[in-house]
Amino acid sequence: MNATIDRAGRLVVPKPVREAAHLHPGTQVRFRVLDGRVEIEPVPMAVRFERSGTMIVAVAQTEGAIVTTEEIEQTLAEIRTERWSDQHSE
């Protein structure tokens, strides 16, 4: 995918890239230049851990994008697929 930087230096990240990287409006990103490449990555969200009943959960310290149920289910499916592949490739 290609994009063009405008005169003000702005760049529109194509929607499929934003979706694949889980970038939402308001997501802070970090830029790095490595070996002539420009890398863009989300800035990790600051969290604190709290007890919720018998579980410990991470609570965001700053407001950010809301993670949808669909995104959670997709992430869990990817983790399960990866673990299954790891277990069956040995």
PDB file of N, CA and C in Angstrom:
ATOM      1  N   MET A   1       0.837  -1.178   0.000  1.00  0.00           N
ATOM      2  CA  MET A   1       0.000   0.000   0.000  1.00  0.00           C
ATOM      3  C   MET A   1       0.879   1.237   0.000  1.00  0.00           C
ATOM      4  N   ASN A   2       0.489   2.199  -0.743  1.00  0.00           N
ATOM      5  CA  ASN A   2       1.229   3.454  -0.812  1.00  0.00           C
ATOM      6  C   ASN A   2       0.377   4.595  -0.276  1.00  0.00           C
ATOM      7  N   ALA A   3       1.040   5.619   0.210  1.00  0.00           N
ATOM      8  CA  ALA A   3       0.383   6.843   0.666  1.00  0.00           C
ATOM      9  C   ALA A   3       1.325   7.994   0.352  1.00  0.00           C
ATOM     10  N   THR A   4       0.801   9.200   0.332  1.00  0.00           N
ATOM     11  CA  THR A   4       1.609  10.375   0.023  1.00  0.00           C
ATOM     12  C   THR A   4       1.585  11.337   1.198  1.00  0.00           C
ATOM     13  N   ILE A   5       2.748  11.868   1.536  1.00  0.00           N
ATOM     14  CA  ILE A   5       2.853  12.871   2.593  1.00  0.00           C
ATOM     15  C   ILE A   5       2.488  14.213   1.983  1.00  0.00           C
ATOM     16  N   ASP A   6       1.600  14.979   2.644  1.00  0.00           N
ATOM     17  CA  ASP A   6       1.208  16.274   2.093  1.00  0.00           C
ATOM     18  C   ASP A   6       2.229  17.353   2.466  1.00  0.00           C
ATOM     19  N   ARG A   7       1.997  18.576   2.010  1.00  0.00           N
ATOM     20  CA  ARG A   7       2.942  19.679   2.228  1.00  0.00           C
ATOM     21  C   ARG A   7       3.165  19.979   3.709  1.00  0.00           C
ATOM     22  N   ALA A   8       2.185  19.691   4.541  1.00  0.00           N
ATOM     23  CA  ALA A   8       2.300  19.949   5.980  1.00  0.00           C
ATOM     24  C   ALA A   8       2.993  18.788   6.701  1.00  0.00           C
ATOM     25  N   GLY A   9       3.382  17.744   5.954  1.00  0.00           N
ATOM     26  CA  GLY A   9       4.058  16.605   6.557  1.00  0.00           C
ATOM     27  C   GLY A   9       3.111  15.546   7.088  1.00  0.00           C
ATOM     28  N   ARG A  10       1.836  15.677   6.784  1.00  0.00           N
ATOM     29  CA  ARG A  10       0.854  14.708   7.280  1.00  0.00           C
ATOM     30  C   ARG A  10       0.800  13.483   6.374  1.00  0.00           C
ATOM     31  N   LEU A  11       0.499  12.386   6.997  1.00  0.00           N
ATOM     32  CA  LEU A  11       0.399  11.117   6.291  1.00  0.00           C
ATOM     33  C   LEU A  11      -0.863  10.417   6.760  1.00  0.00           C
ATOM     34  N   VAL A  12      -1.662   9.953   5.818  1.00  0.00           N
ATOM     35  CA  VAL A  12      -2.857   9.191   6.177  1.00  0.00           C
ATOM     36  C   VAL A  12      -2.481   7.716   6.133  1.00  0.00           C
ATOM     37  N   VAL A  13      -2.647   7.043   7.268  1.00  0.00           N
ATOM     38  CA  VAL A  13      -2.370   5.611   7.331  1.00  0.00           C
ATOM     39  C   VAL A  13      -3.581   4.896   6.733  1.00  0.00           C
ATOM     40  N   PRO A  14      -3.376   4.079   5.713  1.00  0.00           N
ATOM     41  CA  PRO A  14      -4.509   3.404   5.071  1.00  0.00           C
ATOM     42  C   PRO A  14      -5.332   2.591   6.071  1.00  0.00           C
ATOM     43  N   LYS A  15      -6.633   2.564   5.857  1.00  0.00           N
ATOM     44  CA  LYS A  15      -7.543   1.891   6.781  1.00  0.00           C
ATOM     45  C   LYS A  15      -7.167   0.440   7.061  1.00  0.00           C
ATOM     46  N   PRO A  16      -6.823  -0.371   6.053  1.00  0.00           N
ATOM     47  CA  PRO A  16      -6.454  -1.758   6.374  1.00  0.00           C
ATOM     48  C   PRO A  16      -5.246  -1.848   7.314  1.00  0.00           C
ATOM     49  N   VAL A  17      -4.302  -0.915   7.179  1.00  0.00           N
ATOM     50  CA  VAL A  17      -3.133  -0.894   8.060  1.00  0.00           C
ATOM     51  C   VAL A  17      -3.553  -0.499   9.471  1.00  0.00           C
ATOM     52  N   ARG A  18      -4.404   0.549   9.575  1.00  0.00           N
ATOM     53  CA  ARG A  18      -4.895   0.971  10.896  1.00  0.00           C
ATOM     54  C   ARG A  18      -5.634  -0.159  11.587  1.00  0.00           C
ATOM     55  N   GLU A  19      -6.473  -0.860  10.841  1.00  0.00           N
ATOM     56  CA  GLU A  19      -7.244  -1.955  11.434  1.00  0.00           C
ATOM     57  C   GLU A  19      -6.335  -3.091  11.869  1.00  0.00           C
ATOM     58  N   ALA A  20      -5.378  -3.468  11.031  1.00  0.00           N
ATOM     59  CA  ALA A  20      -4.478  -4.573  11.364  1.00  0.00           C
ATOM     60  C   ALA A  20      -3.617  -4.244  12.580  1.00  0.00           C
ATOM     61  N   ALA A  21      -3.255  -2.965  12.732  1.00  0.00           N
ATOM     62  CA  ALA A  21      -2.406  -2.541  13.849  1.00  0.00           C
ATOM     63  C   ALA A  21      -3.221  -2.069  15.047  1.00  0.00           C
ATOM     64  N   HIS A  22      -4.549  -2.129  14.949  1.00  0.00           N
ATOM     65  CA  HIS A  22      -5.442  -1.686  16.026  1.00  0.00           C
ATOM     66  C   HIS A  22      -5.173  -0.226  16.396  1.00  0.00           C
ATOM     67  N   LEU A  23      -5.003   0.620  15.384  1.00  0.00           N
ATOM     68  CA  LEU A  23      -4.817   2.056  15.603  1.00  0.00           C
ATOM     69  C   LEU A  23      -6.172   2.738  15.481  1.00  0.00           C
ATOM     70  N   HIS A  24      -6.532   3.489  16.501  1.00  0.00           N
ATOM     71  CA  HIS A  24      -7.826   4.160  16.540  1.00  0.00           C
ATOM     72  C   HIS A  24      -7.601   5.655  16.727  1.00  0.00           C
ATOM     73  N   PRO A  25      -8.607   6.478  16.421  1.00  0.00           N
ATOM     74  CA  PRO A  25      -8.438   7.916  16.684  1.00  0.00           C
ATOM     75  C   PRO A  25      -8.029   8.143  18.136  1.00  0.00           C
ATOM     76  N   GLY A  26      -7.010   8.956  18.328  1.00  0.00           N
ATOM     77  CA  GLY A  26      -6.522   9.243  19.673  1.00  0.00           C
ATOM     78  C   GLY A  26      -5.365   8.358  20.107  1.00  0.00           C
ATOM     79  N   THR A  27      -5.063   7.304  19.337  1.00  0.00           N
ATOM     80  CA  THR A  27      -3.936   6.443  19.676  1.00  0.00           C
ATOM     81  C   THR A  27      -2.637   7.222  19.493  1.00  0.00           C
ATOM     82  N   GLN A  28      -1.815   7.253  20.520  1.00  0.00           N
ATOM     83  CA  GLN A  28      -0.513   7.887  20.389  1.00  0.00           C
ATOM     84  C   GLN A  28       0.438   6.906  19.724  1.00  0.00           C
ATOM     85  N   VAL A  29       1.265   7.427  18.806  1.00  0.00           N
ATOM     86  CA  VAL A  29       2.229   6.577  18.116  1.00  0.00           C
ATOM     87  C   VAL A  29       3.636   7.132  18.283  1.00  0.00           C
ATOM     88  N   ARG A  30       4.603   6.267  18.138  1.00  0.00           N
ATOM     89  CA  ARG A  30       6.015   6.617  18.252  1.00  0.00           C
ATOM     90  C   ARG A  30       6.659   6.365  16.887  1.00  0.00           C
ATOM     91  N   PHE A  31       7.510   7.304  16.452  1.00  0.00           N
ATOM     92  CA  PHE A  31       8.236   7.161  15.196  1.00  0.00           C
ATOM     93  C   PHE A  31       9.697   6.870  15.485  1.00  0.00           C
ATOM     94  N   ARG A  32      10.290   5.973  14.691  1.00  0.00           N
ATOM     95  CA  ARG A  32      11.722   5.683  14.770  1.00  0.00           C
ATOM     96  C   ARG A  32      12.245   5.527  13.357  1.00  0.00           C
ATOM     97  N   VAL A  33      13.486   5.929  13.156  1.00  0.00           N
ATOM     98  CA  VAL A  33      14.156   5.692  11.888  1.00  0.00           C
ATOM     99  C   VAL A  33      15.254   4.669  12.143  1.00  0.00           C
ATOM    100  N   LEU A  34      15.169   3.526  11.473  1.00  0.00           N
ATOM    101  CA  LEU A  34      16.141   2.438  11.629  1.00  0.00           C
ATOM    102  C   LEU A  34      16.579   1.964  10.255  1.00  0.00           C
ATOM    103  N   ASP A  35      17.861   2.033  10.005  1.00  0.00           N
ATOM    104  CA  ASP A  35      18.416   1.570   8.727  1.00  0.00           C
ATOM    105  C   ASP A  35      17.677   2.151   7.525  1.00  0.00           C
ATOM    106  N   GLY A  36      17.344   3.439   7.589  1.00  0.00           N
ATOM    107  CA  GLY A  36      16.682   4.103   6.469  1.00  0.00           C
ATOM    108  C   GLY A  36      15.186   3.851   6.371  1.00  0.00           C
ATOM    109  N   ARG A  37      14.626   3.087   7.320  1.00  0.00           N
ATOM    110  CA  ARG A  37      13.180   2.824   7.345  1.00  0.00           C
ATOM    111  C   ARG A  37      12.540   3.671   8.427  1.00  0.00           C
ATOM    112  N   VAL A  38      11.312   4.044   8.224  1.00  0.00           N
ATOM    113  CA  VAL A  38      10.542   4.734   9.255  1.00  0.00           C
ATOM    114  C   VAL A  38       9.593   3.703   9.855  1.00  0.00           C
ATOM    115  N   GLU A  39       9.672   3.534  11.174  1.00  0.00           N
ATOM    116  CA  GLU A  39       8.773   2.614  11.877  1.00  0.00           C
ATOM    117  C   GLU A  39       7.819   3.427  12.738  1.00  0.00           C
ATOM    118  N   ILE A  40       6.571   3.011  12.724  1.00  0.00           N
ATOM    119  CA  ILE A  40       5.538   3.660  13.526  1.00  0.00           C
ATOM    120  C   ILE A  40       4.928   2.577  14.402  1.00  0.00           C
ATOM    121  N   GLU A  41       4.855   2.833  15.713  1.00  0.00           N
ATOM    122  CA  GLU A  41       4.257   1.857  16.609  1.00  0.00           C
ATOM    123  C   GLU A  41       3.430   2.573  17.670  1.00  0.00           C
ATOM    124  N   PRO A  42       2.369   1.922  18.157  1.00  0.00           N
ATOM    125  CA  PRO A  42       1.580   2.534  19.229  1.00  0.00           C
ATOM    126  C   PRO A  42       2.423   2.680  20.486  1.00  0.00           C
ATOM    127  N   VAL A  43       2.232   3.775  21.203  1.00  0.00           N
ATOM    128  CA  VAL A  43       2.893   3.971  22.490  1.00  0.00           C
ATOM    129  C   VAL A  43       2.166   3.089  23.500  1.00  0.00           C
ATOM    130  N   PRO A  44       2.902   2.269  24.263  1.00  0.00           N
ATOM    131  CA  PRO A  44       2.235   1.406  25.244  1.00  0.00           C
ATOM    132  C   PRO A  44       1.410   2.237  26.238  1.00  0.00           C
ATOM    133  N   MET A  45       0.262   1.726  26.571  1.00  0.00           N
ATOM    134  CA  MET A  45      -0.624   2.418  27.503  1.00  0.00           C
ATOM    135  C   MET A  45      -0.184   2.156  28.941  1.00  0.00           C
ATOM    136  N   ALA A  46      -0.144   3.182  29.739  1.00  0.00           N
ATOM    137  CA  ALA A  46       0.188   3.033  31.155  1.00  0.00           C
ATOM    138  C   ALA A  46      -0.998   2.391  31.873  1.00  0.00           C
ATOM    139  N   VAL A  47      -0.720   1.357  32.661  1.00  0.00           N
ATOM    140  CA  VAL A  47      -1.780   0.660  33.400  1.00  0.00           C
ATOM    141  C   VAL A  47      -1.353   0.467  34.853  1.00  0.00           C
ATOM    142  N   ARG A  48      -2.325   0.225  35.682  1.00  0.00           N
ATOM    143  CA  ARG A  48      -2.061  -0.181  37.055  1.00  0.00           C
ATOM    144  C   ARG A  48      -2.877  -1.457  37.263  1.00  0.00           C
ATOM    145  N   PHE A  49      -2.422  -2.282  38.183  1.00  0.00           N
ATOM    146  CA  PHE A  49      -3.106  -3.551  38.432  1.00  0.00           C
ATOM    147  C   PHE A  49      -3.948  -3.445  39.691  1.00  0.00           C
ATOM    148  N   GLU A  50      -5.187  -3.930  39.579  1.00  0.00           N
ATOM    149  CA  GLU A  50      -6.116  -3.903  40.705  1.00  0.00           C
ATOM    150  C   GLU A  50      -6.737  -5.279  40.864  1.00  0.00           C
ATOM    151  N   ARG A  51      -7.076  -5.590  42.088  1.00  0.00           N
ATOM    152  CA  ARG A  51      -7.773  -6.841  42.352  1.00  0.00           C
ATOM    153  C   ARG A  51      -9.264  -6.630  42.085  1.00  0.00           C
ATOM    154  N   SER A  52      -9.842  -7.581  41.370  1.00  0.00           N
ATOM    155  CA  SER A  52     -11.271  -7.567  41.090  1.00  0.00           C
ATOM    156  C   SER A  52     -11.798  -8.954  41.445  1.00  0.00           C
ATOM    157  N   GLY A  53     -12.314  -9.094  42.640  1.00  0.00           N
ATOM    158  CA  GLY A  53     -12.731 -10.415  43.116  1.00  0.00           C
ATOM    159  C   GLY A  53     -11.504 -11.282  43.303  1.00  0.00           C
ATOM    160  N   THR A  54     -11.478 -12.418  42.595  1.00  0.00           N
ATOM    161  CA  THR A  54     -10.334 -13.320  42.706  1.00  0.00           C
ATOM    162  C   THR A  54      -9.292 -13.082  41.612  1.00  0.00           C
ATOM    163  N   MET A  55      -9.540 -12.116  40.741  1.00  0.00           N
ATOM    164  CA  MET A  55      -8.627 -11.858  39.630  1.00  0.00           C
ATOM    165  C   MET A  55      -7.901 -10.529  39.820  1.00  0.00           C
ATOM    166  N   ILE A  56      -6.779 -10.407  39.139  1.00  0.00           N
ATOM    167  CA  ILE A  56      -6.072  -9.134  39.073  1.00  0.00           C
ATOM    168  C   ILE A  56      -6.234  -8.630  37.647  1.00  0.00           C
ATOM    169  N   VAL A  57      -6.676  -7.388  37.496  1.00  0.00           N
ATOM    170  CA  VAL A  57      -6.921  -6.828  36.168  1.00  0.00           C
ATOM    171  C   VAL A  57      -6.083  -5.574  35.963  1.00  0.00           C
ATOM    172  N   ALA A  58      -5.760  -5.314  34.708  1.00  0.00           N
ATOM    173  CA  ALA A  58      -5.023  -4.105  34.338  1.00  0.00           C
ATOM    174  C   ALA A  58      -6.041  -3.005  34.049  1.00  0.00           C
ATOM    175  N   VAL A  59      -5.833  -1.838  34.648  1.00  0.00           N
ATOM    176  CA  VAL A  59      -6.730  -0.700  34.464  1.00  0.00           C
ATOM    177  C   VAL A  59      -5.919   0.433  33.847  1.00  0.00           C
ATOM    178  N   ALA A  60      -6.387   0.967  32.727  1.00  0.00           N
ATOM    179  CA  ALA A  60      -5.672   2.041  32.047  1.00  0.00           C
ATOM    180  C   ALA A  60      -5.613   3.275  32.935  1.00  0.00           C
ATOM    181  N   GLN A  61      -4.444   3.923  32.953  1.00  0.00           N
ATOM    182  CA  GLN A  61      -4.290   5.144  33.735  1.00  0.00           C
ATOM    183  C   GLN A  61      -4.652   6.377  32.920  1.00  0.00           C
ATOM    184  N   THR A  62      -4.751   6.227  31.617  1.00  0.00           N
ATOM    185  CA  THR A  62      -5.160   7.319  30.751  1.00  0.00           C
ATOM    186  C   THR A  62      -6.278   6.817  29.860  1.00  0.00           C
ATOM    187  N   GLU A  63      -7.073   7.748  29.376  1.00  0.00           N
ATOM    188  CA  GLU A  63      -8.150   7.351  28.476  1.00  0.00           C
ATOM    189  C   GLU A  63      -7.576   6.969  27.133  1.00  0.00           C
ATOM    190  N   GLY A  64      -8.150   5.979  26.524  1.00  0.00           N
ATOM    191  CA  GLY A  64      -7.700   5.533  25.212  1.00  0.00           C
ATOM    192  C   GLY A  64      -8.874   4.965  24.454  1.00  0.00           C
ATOM    193  N   ALA A  65      -8.550   4.336  23.358  1.00  0.00           N
ATOM    194  CA  ALA A  65      -9.596   3.726  22.549  1.00  0.00           C
ATOM    195  C   ALA A  65     -10.233   2.569  23.313  1.00  0.00           C
ATOM    196  N   ILE A  66     -11.497   2.389  23.096  1.00  0.00           N
ATOM    197  CA  ILE A  66     -12.223   1.287  23.722  1.00  0.00           C
ATOM    198  C   ILE A  66     -12.001   0.037  22.890  1.00  0.00           C
ATOM    199  N   VAL A  67     -11.632  -1.052  23.550  1.00  0.00           N
ATOM    200  CA  VAL A  67     -11.437  -2.320  22.867  1.00  0.00           C
ATOM    201  C   VAL A  67     -12.792  -3.002  22.763  1.00  0.00           C
ATOM    202  N   THR A  68     -13.139  -3.401  21.555  1.00  0.00           N
ATOM    203  CA  THR A  68     -14.445  -4.023  21.336  1.00  0.00           C
ATOM    204  C   THR A  68     -14.392  -5.510  21.662  1.00  0.00           C
ATOM    205  N   THR A  69     -15.547  -6.088  21.874  1.00  0.00           N
ATOM    206  CA  THR A  69     -15.658  -7.524  22.113  1.00  0.00           C
ATOM    207  C   THR A  69     -15.096  -8.278  20.920  1.00  0.00           C
ATOM    208  N   GLU A  70     -15.363  -7.790  19.722  1.00  0.00           N
ATOM    209  CA  GLU A  70     -14.853  -8.435  18.502  1.00  0.00           C
ATOM    210  C   GLU A  70     -13.321  -8.463  18.501  1.00  0.00           C
ATOM    211  N   GLU A  71     -12.681  -7.368  18.910  1.00  0.00           N
ATOM    212  CA  GLU A  71     -11.220  -7.324  18.960  1.00  0.00           C
ATOM    213  C   GLU A  71     -10.669  -8.292  20.000  1.00  0.00           C
ATOM    214  N   ILE A  72     -11.336  -8.391  21.131  1.00  0.00           N
ATOM    215  CA  ILE A  72     -10.906  -9.326  22.175  1.00  0.00           C
ATOM    216  C   ILE A  72     -11.028 -10.759  21.668  1.00  0.00           C
ATOM    217  N   GLU A  73     -12.156 -11.080  21.043  1.00  0.00           N
ATOM    218  CA  GLU A  73     -12.362 -12.429  20.523  1.00  0.00           C
ATOM    219  C   GLU A  73     -11.348 -12.756  19.427  1.00  0.00           C
ATOM    220  N   GLN A  74     -11.046 -11.788  18.563  1.00  0.00           N
ATOM    221  CA  GLN A  74     -10.067 -11.997  17.504  1.00  0.00           C
ATOM    222  C   GLN A  74      -8.683 -12.253  18.099  1.00  0.00           C
ATOM    223  N   THR A  75      -8.307 -11.476  19.102  1.00  0.00           N
ATOM    224  CA  THR A  75      -7.008 -11.657  19.750  1.00  0.00           C
ATOM    225  C   THR A  75      -6.926 -13.020  20.412  1.00  0.00           C
ATOM    226  N   LEU A  76      -7.963 -13.419  21.118  1.00  0.00           N
ATOM    227  CA  LEU A  76      -7.973 -14.741  21.757  1.00  0.00           C
ATOM    228  C   LEU A  76      -7.858 -15.858  20.717  1.00  0.00           C
ATOM    229  N   ALA A  77      -8.561 -15.723  19.603  1.00  0.00           N
ATOM    230  CA  ALA A  77      -8.486 -16.732  18.544  1.00  0.00           C
ATOM    231  C   ALA A  77      -7.074 -16.816  17.974  1.00  0.00           C
ATOM    232  N   GLU A  78      -6.429 -15.665  17.798  1.00  0.00           N
ATOM    233  CA  GLU A  78      -5.055 -15.655  17.286  1.00  0.00           C
ATOM    234  C   GLU A  78      -4.101 -16.328  18.269  1.00  0.00           C
ATOM    235  N   ILE A  79      -4.270 -16.054  19.553  1.00  0.00           N
ATOM    236  CA  ILE A  79      -3.410 -16.672  20.579  1.00  0.00           C
ATOM    237  C   ILE A  79      -3.627 -18.179  20.598  1.00  0.00           C
ATOM    238  N   ARG A  80      -4.890 -18.605  20.563  1.00  0.00           N
ATOM    239  CA  ARG A  80      -5.176 -20.046  20.578  1.00  0.00           C
ATOM    240  C   ARG A  80      -4.588 -20.737  19.349  1.00  0.00           C
ATOM    241  N   THR A  81      -4.719 -20.113  18.182  1.00  0.00           N
ATOM    242  CA  THR A  81      -4.166 -20.677  16.948  1.00  0.00           C
ATOM    243  C   THR A  81      -2.656 -20.782  17.041  1.00  0.00           C
ATOM    244  N   GLU A  82      -2.014 -19.740  17.550  1.00  0.00           N
ATOM    245  CA  GLU A  82      -0.559 -19.746  17.701  1.00  0.00           C
ATOM    246  C   GLU A  82      -0.110 -20.836  18.671  1.00  0.00           C
ATOM    247  N   ARG A  83      -0.800 -20.958  19.794  1.00  0.00           N
ATOM    248  CA  ARG A  83      -0.441 -21.998  20.772  1.00  0.00           C
ATOM    249  C   ARG A  83      -0.647 -23.387  20.189  1.00  0.00           C
ATOM    250  N   TRP A  84      -1.739 -23.579  19.464  1.00  0.00           N
ATOM    251  CA  TRP A  84      -2.020 -24.883  18.848  1.00  0.00           C
ATOM    252  C   TRP A  84      -0.912 -25.214  17.850  1.00  0.00           C
ATOM    253  N   SER A  85      -0.514 -24.232  17.045  1.00  0.00           N
ATOM    254  CA  SER A  85       0.557 -24.444  16.054  1.00  0.00           C
ATOM    255  C   SER A  85       1.865 -24.801  16.746  1.00  0.00           C
ATOM    256  N   ASP A  86       2.182 -24.087  17.829  1.00  0.00           N
ATOM    257  CA  ASP A  86       3.411 -24.348  18.568  1.00  0.00           C
ATOM    258  C   ASP A  86       3.417 -25.777  19.133  1.00  0.00           C
ATOM    259  N   GLN A  87       2.276 -26.207  19.667  1.00  0.00           N
ATOM    260  CA  GLN A  87       2.202 -27.529  20.287  1.00  0.00           C
ATOM    261  C   GLN A  87       2.286 -28.654  19.257  1.00  0.00           C
ATOM    262  N   HIS A  88       1.800 -28.397  18.047  1.00  0.00           N
ATOM    263  CA  HIS A  88       1.745 -29.446  17.038  1.00  0.00           C
ATOM    264  C   HIS A  88       2.909 -29.374  16.042  1.00  0.00           C
ATOM    265  N   SER A  89       3.817 -28.450  16.229  1.00  0.00           N
ATOM    266  CA  SER A  89       4.966 -28.360  15.324  1.00  0.00           C
ATOM    267  C   SER A  89       6.200 -29.013  15.922  1.00  0.00           C
ATOM    268  N   GLU A  90       6.093 -29.461  17.150  1.00  0.00           N
ATOM    269  CA  GLU A  90       7.243 -30.072  17.843  1.00  0.00           C
ATOM    270  C   GLU A  90       7.411 -31.527  17.500  1.00  0.00           C
TER     271      GLU A  90
END
